[in-house]
Protein backbone atom coordinates (compact mmCIF):
# COMPACT_ATOMS: atom_id res chain seq x y z
CA MET A 1 28.51 38.36 42.05
CA ALA A 2 28.94 39.54 38.44
CA LYS A 3 30.38 36.28 37.75
CA LYS A 4 27.55 34.40 39.00
CA ASN A 5 25.21 36.60 36.93
CA ILE A 6 26.84 35.88 33.95
CA THR A 7 27.15 32.29 34.63
CA ASN A 8 23.26 32.28 35.45
CA ILE A 9 22.70 34.18 32.05
CA LEU A 10 25.05 32.14 29.79
CA THR A 11 23.15 28.96 31.28
CA VAL A 12 19.43 30.44 30.43
CA SER A 13 20.92 31.41 26.87
CA ILE A 14 21.95 27.50 26.38
CA ILE A 15 18.81 26.17 27.67
CA ILE A 16 16.59 28.42 25.25
CA VAL A 17 19.04 27.89 22.21
CA ALA A 18 18.95 24.00 23.08
CA GLY A 19 14.95 24.28 23.51
CA ILE A 20 14.92 26.21 19.98
CA ILE A 21 16.96 23.56 18.08
CA LEU A 22 14.84 20.46 19.84
CA VAL A 23 11.71 22.10 18.59
CA PHE A 24 12.91 22.81 15.15
CA TRP A 25 14.04 19.20 14.96
CA ILE A 26 10.70 17.53 16.16
CA THR A 27 8.92 19.39 13.87
CA ALA A 28 11.04 18.99 10.82
CA GLY A 29 10.88 15.16 11.88
CA SER A 30 7.16 14.79 12.09
CA THR A 31 6.52 16.71 8.64
CA THR A 32 8.69 14.32 6.69
CA LYS A 33 7.18 11.33 8.36
CA ASN A 34 3.88 12.29 7.84
CA ILE A 35 2.46 11.37 4.17
CA ALA A 36 -0.71 13.11 4.37
CA ASN A 37 0.95 16.38 4.61
CA GLN A 38 3.01 15.80 1.53
CA PRO A 39 1.40 17.29 -1.67
CA ILE A 40 0.34 14.99 -4.01
CA ALA A 41 -1.64 15.72 -7.21
CA ASN A 42 -5.44 15.83 -6.48
CA ASP A 43 -6.20 13.13 -9.35
CA GLY A 44 -4.38 10.68 -7.60
CA ILE A 45 -5.88 10.89 -4.61
CA ILE A 46 -8.84 8.28 -3.77
CA SER A 47 -9.32 9.45 0.18
CA ARG A 48 -7.77 11.32 2.68
CA LYS A 49 -9.38 9.69 5.50
CA GLY A 50 -8.76 5.88 4.81
CA LEU A 51 -10.48 3.33 2.52
CA HIS A 52 -11.83 0.00 3.42
CA LEU A 53 -12.77 -2.10 0.13
CA HIS A 54 -13.32 -6.09 -0.32
CA PRO A 55 -12.62 -7.21 -3.95
CA LYS A 56 -12.70 -10.48 -4.87
CA LEU A 57 -9.84 -12.20 -6.48
CA ASP A 58 -10.14 -15.62 -8.34
CA ILE A 59 -6.51 -17.41 -10.21
CA TYR A 60 -7.08 -20.01 -12.65
CA ILE A 61 -4.27 -22.01 -13.98
CA LYS A 62 -5.33 -24.37 -16.83
CA GLY A 63 -8.82 -24.48 -15.60
CA LYS A 64 -7.86 -25.30 -11.57
CA LEU A 65 -8.52 -22.71 -9.08
CA GLN A 66 -5.69 -21.29 -7.26
CA THR A 67 -5.72 -21.22 -3.47
CA ILE A 68 -4.81 -17.77 -1.91
CA PRO A 69 -3.63 -18.71 1.50
CA ASP A 70 -4.75 -16.38 4.51
CA ASP A 71 -3.06 -14.02 6.29
CA VAL A 72 -1.14 -12.44 3.07
CA GLY A 73 0.04 -9.19 4.48
CA LEU A 74 -0.41 -10.21 7.92
CA GLY A 75 2.01 -10.65 10.68
CA ALA A 76 4.26 -8.51 12.72
CA VAL A 77 3.73 -5.56 10.57
CA HIS A 78 0.10 -5.43 9.09
CA LYS A 79 -0.31 -4.42 5.21
CA PRO A 80 -2.98 -2.38 4.26
CA ILE A 81 -3.69 -4.55 1.84
CA HIS A 82 -4.20 -8.58 2.77
CA THR A 83 -6.04 -11.72 3.37
CA HIS A 84 -7.60 -13.07 6.50
CA ASN A 85 -8.19 -16.58 5.16
CA THR A 86 -8.50 -18.57 1.82
CA ASP A 87 -12.17 -17.23 0.83
CA HIS A 88 -10.13 -15.17 -1.99
CA ILE A 89 -11.39 -11.79 -0.76
CA ILE A 90 -8.51 -9.19 -0.82
CA HIS A 91 -9.20 -6.80 2.16
CA LEU A 92 -7.98 -3.04 1.32
CA GLU A 93 -8.02 -1.23 4.62
CA PHE A 94 -6.08 1.92 4.60
CA SER A 95 -5.94 4.48 7.25
CA GLY A 96 -5.12 8.40 6.28
CA LEU A 97 -4.39 9.34 2.62
CA VAL A 98 -4.83 6.68 -0.04
CA THR A 99 -3.52 6.91 -3.78
CA LEU A 100 -5.03 5.45 -6.82
CA ASP A 101 -1.21 3.74 -7.03
CA ASP A 102 -1.83 2.01 -3.19
CA THR A 103 -4.75 0.30 -4.74
CA ARG A 104 -3.48 -1.11 -7.53
CA LEU A 105 -3.48 -5.19 -8.29
CA GLN A 106 0.03 -5.17 -8.41
CA GLU A 107 0.55 -4.37 -5.12
CA PHE A 108 -1.44 -7.52 -3.63
CA PHE A 109 0.85 -9.67 -5.61
CA LYS A 110 4.16 -7.47 -4.57
CA ILE A 111 3.07 -8.29 -0.64
CA TRP A 112 2.11 -11.74 -1.64
CA ASP A 113 5.69 -11.97 -3.38
CA LYS A 114 4.05 -13.77 -6.48
CA GLN A 115 4.47 -12.70 -10.20
CA PHE A 116 1.47 -11.08 -11.98
CA SER A 117 1.51 -8.91 -14.99
CA SER A 118 0.12 -8.95 -18.49
CA ASN A 119 2.66 -11.44 -19.70
CA CYS A 120 2.60 -13.94 -16.51
CA ILE A 121 0.96 -15.19 -13.59
CA PHE A 122 3.16 -17.07 -11.06
CA ASP A 123 5.58 -19.12 -13.28
CA ASN A 124 3.15 -19.66 -16.23
CA CYS A 125 4.17 -17.01 -19.03
CA ASN A 126 2.44 -15.93 -22.69
CA GLY A 127 3.61 -18.80 -25.15
CA PRO A 128 2.53 -21.69 -26.76
CA SER A 129 1.32 -22.98 -23.64
CA GLY A 130 -1.32 -20.59 -22.68
CA THR A 131 -1.62 -16.91 -22.16
CA VAL A 132 -3.04 -14.56 -19.48
CA LYS A 133 -6.38 -12.99 -19.39
CA MET A 134 -8.00 -10.92 -16.89
CA PHE A 135 -11.60 -10.17 -16.44
CA VAL A 136 -13.14 -7.67 -13.81
CA ASN A 137 -16.90 -8.01 -13.07
CA GLY A 138 -17.22 -10.32 -15.95
CA GLN A 139 -15.68 -8.17 -18.60
CA PRO A 140 -12.25 -8.59 -20.05
CA ASN A 141 -9.83 -6.00 -18.78
CA ASN A 142 -6.37 -5.36 -20.06
CA GLU A 143 -5.10 -3.40 -17.10
CA PHE A 144 -3.83 -6.35 -15.31
CA GLU A 145 -1.31 -5.46 -12.60
CA LYS A 146 -2.46 -1.85 -13.16
CA TYR A 147 -6.10 -2.29 -12.19
CA PRO A 148 -7.07 -0.13 -9.55
CA MET A 149 -9.13 -2.64 -7.36
CA LYS A 150 -12.64 -1.06 -6.20
CA ALA A 151 -15.52 -2.35 -3.65
CA ASP A 152 -16.77 -5.61 -4.28
CA ASP A 153 -15.05 -6.05 -7.41
CA LYS A 154 -15.07 -9.87 -8.89
CA ILE A 155 -11.38 -9.96 -10.14
CA GLU A 156 -10.63 -13.32 -12.35
CA ILE A 157 -7.19 -14.04 -14.03
CA ARG A 158 -6.84 -16.83 -16.33
CA TYR A 159 -4.18 -18.99 -17.79
CA ASP A 160 -5.03 -21.28 -20.33
């Protein structure tokens, strides 16, 4: 009888310890994967409840409007920055925490896998053939790839 009680106590103890370990493992995993729980400087946060913006992007190379393909950033995994069709509208559709860096123009070019900076647009770089210039809402803008896109922006990149 005493052996049976010891066995029962050991079994219950093992189950309790395993349960505690499981709770800690699940809790640790969920907090490291949830970016909304991670500390970020308040000045870098745009929203904690998502964002839905639609800036327009026109790119001209030597005066010719370039096509921005449909479904950039859409596929098996949908990126929060994407296009739906060739209307030059960039969709920023974030859920949860959104930082200023998330909305920078360079993020769209990374997803599109195209080069863009103050020196180059696609394969066209500053030099004797032309210079990269950027305008936002009709005004010259020197932020280039660092520009944080905003609702209804009209962004124009030119290489002339």
